[in-house]
C-alpha atoms as a PDB file:
ATOM      1  CA  MET A   1     -11.867  83.269 148.808  1.00  0.00           C
ATOM      2  CA  ASP A   2     -13.968  80.308 150.913  1.00  0.00           C
ATOM      3  CA  ASP A   3     -12.139  82.043 154.385  1.00  0.00           C
ATOM      4  CA  ILE A   4     -14.056  84.901 154.384  1.00  0.00           C
ATOM      5  CA  LYS A   5     -17.682  84.689 155.129  1.00  0.00           C
ATOM      6  CA  CYS A   6     -19.529  87.553 154.832  1.00  0.00           C
ATOM      7  CA  ALA A   7     -18.756  92.377 155.492  1.00  0.00           C
ATOM      8  CA  ILE A   8     -20.096  93.510 158.913  1.00  0.00           C
ATOM      9  CA  PHE A   9     -22.575  96.301 158.846  1.00  0.00           C
ATOM     10  CA  THR A  10     -23.180  97.265 162.463  1.00  0.00           C
ATOM     11  CA  ASP A  11     -22.846 101.144 164.238  1.00  0.00           C
ATOM     12  CA  LYS A  12     -19.195 100.535 165.251  1.00  0.00           C
ATOM     13  CA  SER A  13     -17.761  99.202 162.017  1.00  0.00           C
ATOM     14  CA  ILE A  14     -20.316 101.895 159.776  1.00  0.00           C
ATOM     15  CA  ARG A  15     -18.128 104.460 161.786  1.00  0.00           C
ATOM     16  CA  LEU A  16     -14.617 102.283 160.582  1.00  0.00           C
ATOM     17  CA  LEU A  17     -15.053 103.325 157.298  1.00  0.00           C
ATOM     18  CA  GLY A  18     -14.301 106.617 157.957  1.00  0.00           C
ATOM     19  CA  LYS A  19     -10.917 105.068 158.995  1.00  0.00           C
ATOM     20  CA  ASN A  20     -10.711 102.973 156.204  1.00  0.00           C
ATOM     21  CA  GLN A  21     -11.107  99.968 158.337  1.00  0.00           C
ATOM     22  CA  TYR A  22     -13.400  96.943 157.456  1.00  0.00           C
ATOM     23  CA  THR A  23     -14.612  93.840 159.240  1.00  0.00           C
ATOM     24  CA  PHE A  24     -15.037  91.498 158.212  1.00  0.00           C
ATOM     25  CA  ASN A  25     -16.774  87.439 159.491  1.00  0.00           C
ATOM     26  CA  VAL A  26     -14.041  84.884 158.704  1.00  0.00           C
ATOM     27  CA  GLU A  27     -13.723  81.235 159.057  1.00  0.00           C
ATOM     28  CA  SER A  28     -11.738  80.309 162.643  1.00  0.00           C
ATOM     29  CA  GLY A  29      -9.095  78.410 161.127  1.00  0.00           C
ATOM     30  CA  SER A  30      -7.063  80.663 159.124  1.00  0.00           C
ATOM     31  CA  THR A  31      -4.796  82.842 159.284  1.00  0.00           C
ATOM     32  CA  ARG A  32      -3.882  86.321 158.802  1.00  0.00           C
ATOM     33  CA  THR A  33      -1.563  86.169 155.978  1.00  0.00           C
ATOM     34  CA  GLU A  34      -3.850  84.107 154.099  1.00  0.00           C
ATOM     35  CA  ILE A  35      -6.321  86.735 154.664  1.00  0.00           C
ATOM     36  CA  LYS A  36      -4.497  89.723 153.900  1.00  0.00           C
ATOM     37  CA  HIS A  37      -3.000  88.133 151.078  1.00  0.00           C
ATOM     38  CA  TRP A  38      -6.988  87.184 149.489  1.00  0.00           C
ATOM     39  CA  VAL A  39      -7.864  90.578 150.644  1.00  0.00           C
ATOM     40  CA  GLU A  40      -4.611  92.239 148.849  1.00  0.00           C
ATOM     41  CA  ARG A  41      -5.346  90.288 145.728  1.00  0.00           C
ATOM     42  CA  PHE A  42      -9.504  89.958 145.567  1.00  0.00           C
ATOM     43  CA  PHE A  43      -9.827  93.788 145.932  1.00  0.00           C
ATOM     44  CA  GLY A  44      -6.896  95.389 144.223  1.00  0.00           C
ATOM     45  CA  VAL A  45      -5.942  96.718 147.342  1.00  0.00           C
ATOM     46  CA  LYS A  46      -2.925  96.780 149.891  1.00  0.00           C
ATOM     47  CA  VAL A  47      -3.235  95.903 153.816  1.00  0.00           C
ATOM     48  CA  ILE A  48      -1.326  98.158 157.020  1.00  0.00           C
ATOM     49  CA  VAL A  49      -3.037  96.504 159.658  1.00  0.00           C
ATOM     50  CA  MET A  50      -5.743  92.898 160.680  1.00  0.00           C
ATOM     51  CA  ASN A  51      -6.781  92.677 164.004  1.00  0.00           C
ATOM     52  CA  SER A  52      -9.050  89.748 164.933  1.00  0.00           C
ATOM     53  CA  HIS A  53     -10.556  88.672 167.789  1.00  0.00           C
ATOM     54  CA  ARG A  54     -12.608  85.870 168.822  1.00  0.00           C
ATOM     55  CA  LEU A  55     -16.404  86.361 169.522  1.00  0.00           C
ATOM     56  CA  PRO A  56     -17.401  83.463 171.647  1.00  0.00           C
ATOM     57  CA  GLY A  57     -20.852  81.263 171.132  1.00  0.00           C
ATOM     58  CA  LYS A  58     -23.676  81.392 172.056  1.00  0.00           C
ATOM     59  CA  ALA A  59     -24.912  78.927 174.975  1.00  0.00           C
ATOM     60  CA  ARG A  60     -27.988  76.849 173.301  1.00  0.00           C
ATOM     61  CA  ARG A  61     -30.541  74.158 175.487  1.00  0.00           C
ATOM     62  CA  MET A  62     -31.520  70.933 173.299  1.00  0.00           C
ATOM     63  CA  GLY A  63     -34.143  68.774 176.271  1.00  0.00           C
ATOM     64  CA  PRO A  64     -31.548  68.178 179.320  1.00  0.00           C
ATOM     65  CA  ILE A  65     -28.450  68.591 177.344  1.00  0.00           C
ATOM     66  CA  MET A  66     -26.270  72.103 177.313  1.00  0.00           C
ATOM     67  CA  GLY A  67     -24.444  73.155 174.492  1.00  0.00           C
ATOM     68  CA  GLN A  68     -22.618  75.788 172.330  1.00  0.00           C
ATOM     69  CA  THR A  69     -23.236  77.169 168.730  1.00  0.00           C
ATOM     70  CA  LEU A  70     -19.654  77.723 167.026  1.00  0.00           C
ATOM     71  CA  HIS A  71     -17.024  80.860 168.085  1.00  0.00           C
ATOM     72  CA  SER A  72     -16.546  82.747 164.828  1.00  0.00           C
ATOM     73  CA  ARG A  73     -13.575  84.875 163.780  1.00  0.00           C
ATOM     74  CA  ARG A  74     -14.094  88.634 163.467  1.00  0.00           C
ATOM     75  CA  MET A  75     -11.039  90.919 161.457  1.00  0.00           C
ATOM     76  CA  ILE A  76     -10.977  94.892 161.202  1.00  0.00           C
ATOM     77  CA  ILE A  77      -9.299  95.406 158.049  1.00  0.00           C
ATOM     78  CA  THR A  78      -6.939  98.984 157.970  1.00  0.00           C
ATOM     79  CA  LEU A  79      -6.055 100.097 154.056  1.00  0.00           C
ATOM     80  CA  GLN A  80      -3.900 102.410 153.155  1.00  0.00           C
ATOM     81  CA  PRO A  81      -4.495 105.649 152.707  1.00  0.00           C
ATOM     82  CA  GLY A  82      -6.415 105.999 148.942  1.00  0.00           C
ATOM     83  CA  TYR A  83      -7.379 102.424 148.940  1.00  0.00           C
ATOM     84  CA  SER A  84     -10.748 101.598 149.735  1.00  0.00           C
ATOM     85  CA  ILE A  85     -12.532  98.689 148.803  1.00  0.00           C
ATOM     86  CA  PRO A  86     -15.600 100.007 146.910  1.00  0.00           C
ATOM     87  CA  PRO A  87     -18.915  98.373 146.670  1.00  0.00           C
ATOM     88  CA  LEU A  88     -18.630  98.479 150.349  1.00  0.00           C
ATOM     89  CA  ARG A  89     -17.460 101.996 150.279  1.00  0.00           C
ATOM     90  CA  THR A  90     -20.123 103.194 147.512  1.00  0.00           C
ATOM     91  CA  LYS A  91     -23.069 101.685 149.554  1.00  0.00           C
ATOM     92  CA  PHE A  92     -22.587 103.966 152.867  1.00  0.00           C
ATOM     93  CA  ASP A  93     -20.244 106.933 151.620  1.00  0.00           C
ATOM     94  CA  ILE A  94     -19.646 109.183 155.059  1.00  0.00           C
END
């Protein structure tokens, strides 16, 4: 349960809700199988495909030192037809 940080609601992710795809920010060290297992058990759905990509950290300056924030990882989860995640689906019914 600690692997998934939050659901993402951008223009693209709201469009993907119509295709039964949900977008989440997840912990960088978690694996696809852990996330898939957790989503299937917690929400009671069947996952077909999971796509992930790593978002780069942003550059930050603290005085003369240039650094970066930590990168994050985003998963796009596609569910089987007939399944949905209720808290997200009722809010943005397309």
